[in-house]
Amino acid sequence: GKQRELVAFMTSGGRANYADSVKGRFTISRDNAKNTV
């Protein structure tokens, strides 16, 4: 019943952004060698 919400994203260079609703609680990370976020 709710709209889709962007939670977080990270560039290949490691720059991350978070939605205000999760900032400070969620952490995005990625392993480029494993192509895994």
Full PDB file with SEQRES, HELIX, SHEET, SSBOND, CRYST1, ORIGX, SCALE, CONECT and MASTER records, all heavy atoms in Angstrom:
SEQRES   1 A   37  GLY LYS GLN ARG GLU LEU VAL ALA PHE MET THR SER GLY          
SEQRES   2 A   37  GLY ARG ALA ASN TYR ALA ASP SER VAL LYS GLY ARG PHE          
SEQRES   3 A   37  THR ILE SER ARG ASP ASN ALA LYS ASN THR VAL                  
HELIX    1 AA1 ASN A   32  LYS A   34  5                                   3    
SHEET    1 AA1 2 ALA A   8  MET A  10  0                                        
SHEET    2 AA1 2 ALA A  16  TYR A  18 -1                                        
CRYST1    1.000    1.000    1.000  90.00  90.00  90.00 P 1           1          
ORIGX1      1.000000  0.000000  0.000000        0.00000                         
ORIGX2      0.000000  1.000000  0.000000        0.00000                         
ORIGX3      0.000000  0.000000  1.000000        0.00000                         
SCALE1      1.000000  0.000000  0.000000        0.00000                         
SCALE2      0.000000  1.000000  0.000000        0.00000                         
SCALE3      0.000000  0.000000  1.000000        0.00000                         
ATOM      1  N   GLY A   1       0.770  -1.222   0.000  1.00  0.00           N  
ATOM      2  CA  GLY A   1       0.000   0.000   0.000  1.00  0.00           C  
ATOM      3  C   GLY A   1       0.804   1.275   0.000  1.00  0.00           C  
ATOM      4  O   GLY A   1       0.225   2.365   0.064  1.00  0.00           O  
ATOM      5  N   LYS A   2       2.115   1.165  -0.076  1.00  0.00           N  
ATOM      6  CA  LYS A   2       2.973   2.337  -0.067  1.00  0.00           C  
ATOM      7  C   LYS A   2       3.813   2.395  -1.329  1.00  0.00           C  
ATOM      8  O   LYS A   2       4.010   1.398  -2.009  1.00  0.00           O  
ATOM      9  CB  LYS A   2       3.873   2.343   1.164  1.00  0.00           C  
ATOM     10  CG  LYS A   2       3.132   2.446   2.486  1.00  0.00           C  
ATOM     11  CD  LYS A   2       4.094   2.554   3.647  1.00  0.00           C  
ATOM     12  CE  LYS A   2       3.351   2.706   4.958  1.00  0.00           C  
ATOM     13  NZ  LYS A   2       4.290   2.812   6.110  1.00  0.00           N  
ATOM     14  N   GLN A   3       4.303   3.587  -1.618  1.00  0.00           N  
ATOM     15  CA  GLN A   3       5.141   3.777  -2.786  1.00  0.00           C  
ATOM     16  C   GLN A   3       6.523   3.178  -2.564  1.00  0.00           C  
ATOM     17  O   GLN A   3       7.007   3.076  -1.438  1.00  0.00           O  
ATOM     18  CB  GLN A   3       5.273   5.261  -3.125  1.00  0.00           C  
ATOM     19  CG  GLN A   3       3.987   5.937  -3.561  1.00  0.00           C  
ATOM     20  CD  GLN A   3       4.230   7.337  -4.070  1.00  0.00           C  
ATOM     21  OE1 GLN A   3       5.065   7.565  -4.959  1.00  0.00           O  
ATOM     22  NE2 GLN A   3       3.501   8.289  -3.526  1.00  0.00           N  
ATOM     23  N   ARG A   4       7.119   2.803  -3.662  1.00  0.00           N  
ATOM     24  CA  ARG A   4       8.467   2.294  -3.617  1.00  0.00           C  
ATOM     25  C   ARG A   4       9.422   3.398  -3.171  1.00  0.00           C  
ATOM     26  O   ARG A   4       9.335   4.537  -3.622  1.00  0.00           O  
ATOM     27  CB  ARG A   4       8.849   1.754  -4.996  1.00  0.00           C  
ATOM     28  CG  ARG A   4      10.128   0.963  -5.049  1.00  0.00           C  
ATOM     29  CD  ARG A   4      10.214   0.245  -6.381  1.00  0.00           C  
ATOM     30  NE  ARG A   4      10.074   1.171  -7.488  1.00  0.00           N  
ATOM     31  CZ  ARG A   4       9.796   0.803  -8.735  1.00  0.00           C  
ATOM     32  NH1 ARG A   4       9.609  -0.490  -9.016  1.00  0.00           N  
ATOM     33  NH2 ARG A   4       9.689   1.705  -9.686  1.00  0.00           N  
ATOM     34  N   GLU A   5      10.332   3.055  -2.298  1.00  0.00           N  
ATOM     35  CA  GLU A   5      11.224   4.023  -1.685  1.00  0.00           C  
ATOM     36  C   GLU A   5      12.675   3.633  -1.907  1.00  0.00           C  
ATOM     37  O   GLU A   5      13.064   2.488  -1.670  1.00  0.00           O  
ATOM     38  CB  GLU A   5      10.935   4.123  -0.181  1.00  0.00           C  
ATOM     39  CG  GLU A   5      11.886   5.023   0.587  1.00  0.00           C  
ATOM     40  CD  GLU A   5      11.694   4.926   2.088  1.00  0.00           C  
ATOM     41  OE1 GLU A   5      11.189   3.882   2.556  1.00  0.00           O  
ATOM     42  OE2 GLU A   5      12.036   5.895   2.791  1.00  0.00           O  
ATOM     43  N   LEU A   6      13.454   4.590  -2.341  1.00  0.00           N  
ATOM     44  CA  LEU A   6      14.890   4.368  -2.454  1.00  0.00           C  
ATOM     45  C   LEU A   6      15.501   4.366  -1.061  1.00  0.00           C  
ATOM     46  O   LEU A   6      15.348   5.325  -0.307  1.00  0.00           O  
ATOM     47  CB  LEU A   6      15.538   5.443  -3.324  1.00  0.00           C  
ATOM     48  CG  LEU A   6      17.057   5.384  -3.469  1.00  0.00           C  
ATOM     49  CD1 LEU A   6      17.502   4.083  -4.131  1.00  0.00           C  
ATOM     50  CD2 LEU A   6      17.571   6.585  -4.258  1.00  0.00           C  
ATOM     51  N   VAL A   7      16.191   3.305  -0.734  1.00  0.00           N  
ATOM     52  CA  VAL A   7      16.782   3.153   0.588  1.00  0.00           C  
ATOM     53  C   VAL A   7      18.209   3.671   0.610  1.00  0.00           C  
ATOM     54  O   VAL A   7      18.584   4.466   1.475  1.00  0.00           O  
ATOM     55  CB  VAL A   7      16.744   1.685   1.043  1.00  0.00           C  
ATOM     56  CG1 VAL A   7      17.431   1.520   2.395  1.00  0.00           C  
ATOM     57  CG2 VAL A   7      15.304   1.191   1.108  1.00  0.00           C  
ATOM     58  N   ALA A   8      19.006   3.209  -0.316  1.00  0.00           N  
ATOM     59  CA  ALA A   8      20.412   3.588  -0.355  1.00  0.00           C  
ATOM     60  C   ALA A   8      21.008   3.164  -1.680  1.00  0.00           C  
ATOM     61  O   ALA A   8      20.494   2.267  -2.349  1.00  0.00           O  
ATOM     62  CB  ALA A   8      21.192   2.943   0.797  1.00  0.00           C  
ATOM     63  N   PHE A   9      22.083   3.818  -2.052  1.00  0.00           N  
ATOM     64  CA  PHE A   9      22.849   3.374  -3.207  1.00  0.00           C  
ATOM     65  C   PHE A   9      24.310   3.713  -3.007  1.00  0.00           C  
ATOM     66  O   PHE A   9      24.663   4.576  -2.201  1.00  0.00           O  
ATOM     67  CB  PHE A   9      22.317   3.974  -4.523  1.00  0.00           C  
ATOM     68  CG  PHE A   9      22.480   5.467  -4.663  1.00  0.00           C  
ATOM     69  CD1 PHE A   9      23.669   6.021  -5.122  1.00  0.00           C  
ATOM     70  CD2 PHE A   9      21.434   6.322  -4.367  1.00  0.00           C  
ATOM     71  CE1 PHE A   9      23.812   7.396  -5.265  1.00  0.00           C  
ATOM     72  CE2 PHE A   9      21.570   7.700  -4.513  1.00  0.00           C  
ATOM     73  CZ  PHE A   9      22.766   8.233  -4.961  1.00  0.00           C  
ATOM     74  N   MET A  10      25.140   3.024  -3.761  1.00  0.00           N  
ATOM     75  CA  MET A  10      26.577   3.242  -3.693  1.00  0.00           C  
ATOM     76  C   MET A  10      27.176   3.107  -5.078  1.00  0.00           C  
ATOM     77  O   MET A  10      26.878   2.174  -5.819  1.00  0.00           O  
ATOM     78  CB  MET A  10      27.242   2.258  -2.726  1.00  0.00           C  
ATOM     79  CG  MET A  10      28.763   2.386  -2.662  1.00  0.00           C  
ATOM     80  SD  MET A  10      29.520   1.342  -1.393  1.00  0.00           S  
ATOM     81  CE  MET A  10      29.166   2.330   0.070  1.00  0.00           C  
ATOM     82  N   THR A  11      28.039   4.047  -5.421  1.00  0.00           N  
ATOM     83  CA  THR A  11      28.731   3.989  -6.692  1.00  0.00           C  
ATOM     84  C   THR A  11      29.871   2.991  -6.616  1.00  0.00           C  
ATOM     85  O   THR A  11      30.246   2.520  -5.542  1.00  0.00           O  
ATOM     86  CB  THR A  11      29.277   5.366  -7.082  1.00  0.00           C  
ATOM     87  OG1 THR A  11      30.334   5.725  -6.177  1.00  0.00           O  
ATOM     88  CG2 THR A  11      28.192   6.430  -7.016  1.00  0.00           C  
ATOM     89  N   SER A  12      30.419   2.683  -7.770  1.00  0.00           N  
ATOM     90  CA  SER A  12      31.558   1.772  -7.797  1.00  0.00           C  
ATOM     91  C   SER A  12      32.757   2.357  -7.076  1.00  0.00           C  
ATOM     92  O   SER A  12      33.625   1.614  -6.620  1.00  0.00           O  
ATOM     93  CB  SER A  12      31.926   1.433  -9.242  1.00  0.00           C  
ATOM     94  OG  SER A  12      32.283   2.604  -9.971  1.00  0.00           O  
ATOM     95  N   GLY A  13      32.798   3.677  -6.969  1.00  0.00           N  
ATOM     96  CA  GLY A  13      33.871   4.334  -6.254  1.00  0.00           C  
ATOM     97  C   GLY A  13      33.658   4.430  -4.758  1.00  0.00           C  
ATOM     98  O   GLY A  13      34.524   4.950  -4.053  1.00  0.00           O  
ATOM     99  N   GLY A  14      32.510   3.953  -4.276  1.00  0.00           N  
ATOM    100  CA  GLY A  14      32.274   3.902  -2.848  1.00  0.00           C  
ATOM    101  C   GLY A  14      31.486   5.059  -2.266  1.00  0.00           C  
ATOM    102  O   GLY A  14      31.357   5.157  -1.045  1.00  0.00           O  
ATOM    103  N   ARG A  15      30.960   5.924  -3.100  1.00  0.00           N  
ATOM    104  CA  ARG A  15      30.143   7.022  -2.582  1.00  0.00           C  
ATOM    105  C   ARG A  15      28.737   6.524  -2.305  1.00  0.00           C  
ATOM    106  O   ARG A  15      28.077   5.982  -3.194  1.00  0.00           O  
ATOM    107  CB  ARG A  15      30.115   8.185  -3.567  1.00  0.00           C  
ATOM    108  CG  ARG A  15      29.394   9.412  -3.029  1.00  0.00           C  
ATOM    109  CD  ARG A  15      29.673  10.625  -3.888  1.00  0.00           C  
ATOM    110  NE  ARG A  15      28.988  10.565  -5.172  1.00  0.00           N  
ATOM    111  CZ  ARG A  15      27.737  10.995  -5.373  1.00  0.00           C  
ATOM    112  NH1 ARG A  15      27.037  11.503  -4.381  1.00  0.00           N  
ATOM    113  NH2 ARG A  15      27.206  10.905  -6.580  1.00  0.00           N  
ATOM    114  N   ALA A  16      28.270   6.732  -1.095  1.00  0.00           N  
ATOM    115  CA  ALA A  16      26.989   6.211  -0.655  1.00  0.00           C  
ATOM    116  C   ALA A  16      26.013   7.323  -0.320  1.00  0.00           C  
ATOM    117  O   ALA A  16      26.404   8.410   0.116  1.00  0.00           O  
ATOM    118  CB  ALA A  16      27.172   5.318   0.566  1.00  0.00           C  
ATOM    119  N   ASN A  17      24.742   7.036  -0.514  1.00  0.00           N  
ATOM    120  CA  ASN A  17      23.658   7.927  -0.138  1.00  0.00           C  
ATOM    121  C   ASN A  17      22.556   7.115   0.513  1.00  0.00           C  
ATOM    122  O   ASN A  17      22.325   5.959   0.144  1.00  0.00           O  
ATOM    123  CB  ASN A  17      23.105   8.681  -1.348  1.00  0.00           C  
ATOM    124  CG  ASN A  17      24.069   9.699  -1.903  1.00  0.00           C  
ATOM    125  OD1 ASN A  17      24.985   9.352  -2.645  1.00  0.00           O  
ATOM    126  ND2 ASN A  17      23.872  10.964  -1.538  1.00  0.00           N  
ATOM    127  N   TYR A  18      21.873   7.740   1.461  1.00  0.00           N  
ATOM    128  CA  TYR A  18      20.835   7.062   2.217  1.00  0.00           C  
ATOM    129  C   TYR A  18      19.578   7.899   2.291  1.00  0.00           C  
ATOM    130  O   TYR A  18      19.629   9.131   2.320  1.00  0.00           O  
ATOM    131  CB  TYR A  18      21.298   6.770   3.645  1.00  0.00           C  
ATOM    132  CG  TYR A  18      22.494   5.871   3.749  1.00  0.00           C  
ATOM    133  CD1 TYR A  18      23.782   6.392   3.749  1.00  0.00           C  
ATOM    134  CD2 TYR A  18      22.337   4.501   3.856  1.00  0.00           C  
ATOM    135  CE1 TYR A  18      24.878   5.564   3.849  1.00  0.00           C  
ATOM    136  CE2 TYR A  18      23.434   3.664   3.959  1.00  0.00           C  
ATOM    137  CZ  TYR A  18      24.706   4.205   3.957  1.00  0.00           C  
ATOM    138  OH  TYR A  18      25.797   3.374   4.061  1.00  0.00           O  
ATOM    139  N   ALA A  19      18.466   7.209   2.352  1.00  0.00           N  
ATOM    140  CA  ALA A  19      17.220   7.881   2.660  1.00  0.00           C  
ATOM    141  C   ALA A  19      17.248   8.357   4.104  1.00  0.00           C  
ATOM    142  O   ALA A  19      17.854   7.722   4.970  1.00  0.00           O  
ATOM    143  CB  ALA A  19      16.032   6.941   2.442  1.00  0.00           C  
ATOM    144  N   ASP A  20      16.592   9.471   4.357  1.00  0.00           N  
ATOM    145  CA  ASP A  20      16.572  10.004   5.714  1.00  0.00           C  
ATOM    146  C   ASP A  20      15.981   9.011   6.711  1.00  0.00           C  
ATOM    147  O   ASP A  20      16.379   8.985   7.881  1.00  0.00           O  
ATOM    148  CB  ASP A  20      15.784  11.314   5.758  1.00  0.00           C  
ATOM    149  CG  ASP A  20      16.513  12.460   5.088  1.00  0.00           C  
ATOM    150  OD1 ASP A  20      17.747  12.380   4.931  1.00  0.00           O  
ATOM    151  OD2 ASP A  20      15.845  13.449   4.723  1.00  0.00           O  
ATOM    152  N   SER A  21      15.059   8.203   6.254  1.00  0.00           N  
ATOM    153  CA  SER A  21      14.384   7.272   7.138  1.00  0.00           C  
ATOM    154  C   SER A  21      15.291   6.161   7.659  1.00  0.00           C  
ATOM    155  O   SER A  21      14.974   5.532   8.671  1.00  0.00           O  
ATOM    156  CB  SER A  21      13.175   6.651   6.436  1.00  0.00           C  
ATOM    157  OG  SER A  21      13.570   5.982   5.257  1.00  0.00           O  
ATOM    158  N   VAL A  22      16.399   5.918   6.992  1.00  0.00           N  
ATOM    159  CA  VAL A  22      17.298   4.848   7.405  1.00  0.00           C  
ATOM    160  C   VAL A  22      18.680   5.346   7.772  1.00  0.00           C  
ATOM    161  O   VAL A  22      19.509   4.556   8.251  1.00  0.00           O  
ATOM    162  CB  VAL A  22      17.419   3.766   6.319  1.00  0.00           C  
ATOM    163  CG1 VAL A  22      16.050   3.246   5.921  1.00  0.00           C  
ATOM    164  CG2 VAL A  22      18.174   4.295   5.104  1.00  0.00           C  
ATOM    165  N   LYS A  23      18.936   6.607   7.571  1.00  0.00           N  
ATOM    166  CA  LYS A  23      20.253   7.163   7.840  1.00  0.00           C  
ATOM    167  C   LYS A  23      20.636   6.960   9.302  1.00  0.00           C  
ATOM    168  O   LYS A  23      19.862   7.244  10.208  1.00  0.00           O  
ATOM    169  CB  LYS A  23      20.279   8.642   7.470  1.00  0.00           C  
ATOM    170  CG  LYS A  23      21.666   9.243   7.363  1.00  0.00           C  
ATOM    171  CD  LYS A  23      21.596  10.671   6.811  1.00  0.00           C  
ATOM    172  CE  LYS A  23      21.013  10.693   5.405  1.00  0.00           C  
ATOM    173  NZ  LYS A  23      20.962  12.069   4.835  1.00  0.00           N  
ATOM    174  N   GLY A  24      21.829   6.464   9.510  1.00  0.00           N  
ATOM    175  CA  GLY A  24      22.298   6.183  10.855  1.00  0.00           C  
ATOM    176  C   GLY A  24      21.976   4.793  11.342  1.00  0.00           C  
ATOM    177  O   GLY A  24      22.526   4.358  12.361  1.00  0.00           O  
ATOM    178  N   ARG A  25      21.099   4.091  10.645  1.00  0.00           N  
ATOM    179  CA  ARG A  25      20.723   2.733  11.033  1.00  0.00           C  
ATOM    180  C   ARG A  25      21.156   1.690  10.017  1.00  0.00           C  
ATOM    181  O   ARG A  25      21.514   0.579  10.384  1.00  0.00           O  
ATOM    182  CB  ARG A  25      19.210   2.629  11.235  1.00  0.00           C  
ATOM    183  CG  ARG A  25      18.668   3.523  12.335  1.00  0.00           C  
ATOM    184  CD  ARG A  25      17.197   3.226  12.615  1.00  0.00           C  
ATOM    185  NE  ARG A  25      16.359   3.474  11.440  1.00  0.00           N  
ATOM    186  CZ  ARG A  25      15.621   2.549  10.829  1.00  0.00           C  
ATOM    187  NH1 ARG A  25      15.611   1.295  11.291  1.00  0.00           N  
ATOM    188  NH2 ARG A  25      14.879   2.865   9.777  1.00  0.00           N  
ATOM    189  N   PHE A  26      21.096   2.054   8.747  1.00  0.00           N  
ATOM    190  CA  PHE A  26      21.453   1.139   7.675  1.00  0.00           C  
ATOM    191  C   PHE A  26      22.808   1.514   7.102  1.00  0.00           C  
ATOM    192  O   PHE A  26      23.182   2.694   7.062  1.00  0.00           O  
ATOM    193  CB  PHE A  26      20.424   1.179   6.542  1.00  0.00           C  
ATOM    194  CG  PHE A  26      19.083   0.592   6.880  1.00  0.00           C  
ATOM    195  CD1 PHE A  26      18.732   0.276   8.180  1.00  0.00           C  
ATOM    196  CD2 PHE A  26      18.166   0.361   5.859  1.00  0.00           C  
ATOM    197  CE1 PHE A  26      17.490  -0.258   8.482  1.00  0.00           C  
ATOM    198  CE2 PHE A  26      16.921  -0.175   6.149  1.00  0.00           C  
ATOM    199  CZ  PHE A  26      16.578  -0.484   7.457  1.00  0.00           C  
ATOM    200  N   THR A  27      23.520   0.520   6.635  1.00  0.00           N  
ATOM    201  CA  THR A  27      24.805   0.734   5.995  1.00  0.00           C  
ATOM    202  C   THR A  27      24.874  -0.071   4.707  1.00  0.00           C  
ATOM    203  O   THR A  27      24.660  -1.283   4.719  1.00  0.00           O  
ATOM    204  CB  THR A  27      25.967   0.326   6.906  1.00  0.00           C  
ATOM    205  OG1 THR A  27      25.906   1.067   8.130  1.00  0.00           O  
ATOM    206  CG2 THR A  27      27.301   0.611   6.223  1.00  0.00           C  
ATOM    207  N   ILE A  28      25.156   0.609   3.619  1.00  0.00           N  
ATOM    208  CA  ILE A  28      25.334  -0.067   2.351  1.00  0.00           C  
ATOM    209  C   ILE A  28      26.823  -0.249   2.095  1.00  0.00           C  
ATOM    210  O   ILE A  28      27.630   0.627   2.417  1.00  0.00           O  
ATOM    211  CB  ILE A  28      24.664   0.699   1.192  1.00  0.00           C  
ATOM    212  CG1 ILE A  28      24.705  -0.120  -0.100  1.00  0.00           C  
ATOM    213  CG2 ILE A  28      25.290   2.070   0.990  1.00  0.00           C  
ATOM    214  CD1 ILE A  28      23.885   0.481  -1.231  1.00  0.00           C  
ATOM    215  N   SER A  29      27.179  -1.373   1.555  1.00  0.00           N  
ATOM    216  CA  SER A  29      28.555  -1.647   1.193  1.00  0.00           C  
ATOM    217  C   SER A  29      28.558  -2.527  -0.047  1.00  0.00           C  
ATOM    218  O   SER A  29      27.535  -3.084  -0.428  1.00  0.00           O  
ATOM    219  CB  SER A  29      29.312  -2.320   2.344  1.00  0.00           C  
ATOM    220  OG  SER A  29      28.742  -3.569   2.668  1.00  0.00           O  
ATOM    221  N   ARG A  30      29.699  -2.631  -0.666  1.00  0.00           N  
ATOM    222  CA  ARG A  30      29.786  -3.482  -1.843  1.00  0.00           C  
ATOM    223  C   ARG A  30      31.186  -4.021  -2.006  1.00  0.00           C  
ATOM    224  O   ARG A  30      32.171  -3.407  -1.587  1.00  0.00           O  
ATOM    225  CB  ARG A  30      29.333  -2.736  -3.098  1.00  0.00           C  
ATOM    226  CG  ARG A  30      30.172  -1.522  -3.473  1.00  0.00           C  
ATOM    227  CD  ARG A  30      29.531  -0.744  -4.619  1.00  0.00           C  
ATOM    228  NE  ARG A  30      29.554  -1.487  -5.869  1.00  0.00           N  
ATOM    229  CZ  ARG A  30      29.020  -1.058  -7.017  1.00  0.00           C  
ATOM    230  NH1 ARG A  30      28.395   0.119  -7.057  1.00  0.00           N  
ATOM    231  NH2 ARG A  30      29.090  -1.803  -8.108  1.00  0.00           N  
ATOM    232  N   ASP A  31      31.239  -5.159  -2.619  1.00  0.00           N  
ATOM    233  CA  ASP A  31      32.482  -5.810  -2.963  1.00  0.00           C  
ATOM    234  C   ASP A  31      32.517  -5.872  -4.482  1.00  0.00           C  
ATOM    235  O   ASP A  31      31.862  -6.722  -5.089  1.00  0.00           O  
ATOM    236  CB  ASP A  31      32.557  -7.203  -2.349  1.00  0.00           C  
ATOM    237  CG  ASP A  31      33.900  -7.872  -2.551  1.00  0.00           C  
ATOM    238  OD1 ASP A  31      34.610  -7.527  -3.516  1.00  0.00           O  
ATOM    239  OD2 ASP A  31      34.243  -8.749  -1.746  1.00  0.00           O  
ATOM    240  N   ASN A  32      33.251  -4.971  -5.082  1.00  0.00           N  
ATOM    241  CA  ASN A  32      33.269  -4.892  -6.537  1.00  0.00           C  
ATOM    242  C   ASN A  32      33.852  -6.156  -7.170  1.00  0.00           C  
ATOM    243  O   ASN A  32      33.437  -6.558  -8.254  1.00  0.00           O  
ATOM    244  CB  ASN A  32      34.060  -3.670  -6.992  1.00  0.00           C  
ATOM    245  CG  ASN A  32      33.352  -2.372  -6.687  1.00  0.00           C  
ATOM    246  OD1 ASN A  32      32.122  -2.317  -6.616  1.00  0.00           O  
ATOM    247  ND2 ASN A  32      34.114  -1.301  -6.519  1.00  0.00           N  
ATOM    248  N   ALA A  33      34.816  -6.762  -6.505  1.00  0.00           N  
ATOM    249  CA  ALA A  33      35.412  -7.977  -7.040  1.00  0.00           C  
ATOM    250  C   ALA A  33      34.401  -9.111  -7.113  1.00  0.00           C  
ATOM    251  O   ALA A  33      34.472  -9.958  -8.003  1.00  0.00           O  
ATOM    252  CB  ALA A  33      36.615  -8.393  -6.200  1.00  0.00           C  
ATOM    253  N   LYS A  34      33.473  -9.137  -6.169  1.00  0.00           N  
ATOM    254  CA  LYS A  34      32.442 -10.163  -6.144  1.00  0.00           C  
ATOM    255  C   LYS A  34      31.138  -9.711  -6.786  1.00  0.00           C  
ATOM    256  O   LYS A  34      30.181 -10.486  -6.831  1.00  0.00           O  
ATOM    257  CB  LYS A  34      32.163 -10.601  -4.708  1.00  0.00           C  
ATOM    258  CG  LYS A  34      33.332 -11.282  -4.017  1.00  0.00           C  
ATOM    259  CD  LYS A  34      32.954 -11.719  -2.617  1.00  0.00           C  
ATOM    260  CE  LYS A  34      34.095 -12.453  -1.939  1.00  0.00           C  
ATOM    261  NZ  LYS A  34      33.725 -12.886  -0.562  1.00  0.00           N  
ATOM    262  N   ASN A  35      31.109  -8.475  -7.248  1.00  0.00           N  
ATOM    263  CA  ASN A  35      29.894  -7.909  -7.836  1.00  0.00           C  
ATOM    264  C   ASN A  35      28.700  -8.078  -6.908  1.00  0.00           C  
ATOM    265  O   ASN A  35      27.607  -8.468  -7.330  1.00  0.00           O  
ATOM    266  CB  ASN A  35      29.616  -8.545  -9.200  1.00  0.00           C  
ATOM    267  CG  ASN A  35      30.725  -8.295 -10.193  1.00  0.00           C  
ATOM    268  OD1 ASN A  35      31.090  -7.155 -10.455  1.00  0.00           O  
ATOM    269  ND2 ASN A  35      31.268  -9.367 -10.751  1.00  0.00           N  
ATOM    270  N   THR A  36      28.925  -7.763  -5.669  1.00  0.00           N  
ATOM    271  CA  THR A  36      27.925  -7.963  -4.639  1.00  0.00           C  
ATOM    272  C   THR A  36      27.749  -6.686  -3.830  1.00  0.00           C  
ATOM    273  O   THR A  36      28.731  -6.027  -3.479  1.00  0.00           O  
ATOM    274  CB  THR A  36      28.314  -9.116  -3.710  1.00  0.00           C  
ATOM    275  OG1 THR A  36      28.459 -10.315  -4.480  1.00  0.00           O  
ATOM    276  CG2 THR A  36      27.255  -9.342  -2.646  1.00  0.00           C  
ATOM    277  N   VAL A  37      26.507  -6.363  -3.549  1.00  0.00           N  
ATOM    278  CA  VAL A  37      26.185  -5.230  -2.701  1.00  0.00           C  
ATOM    279  C   VAL A  37      25.455  -5.746  -1.473  1.00  0.00           C  
ATOM    280  O   VAL A  37      24.702  -6.719  -1.543  1.00  0.00           O  
ATOM    281  CB  VAL A  37      25.350  -4.176  -3.460  1.00  0.00           C  
ATOM    282  CG1 VAL A  37      23.992  -4.736  -3.865  1.00  0.00           C  
ATOM    283  CG2 VAL A  37      25.187  -2.913  -2.629  1.00  0.00           C  
TER     284      VAL A  37                                                      
MASTER        0    0    0    1    2    0    0    6  283    1    0    3          
END                                                                             
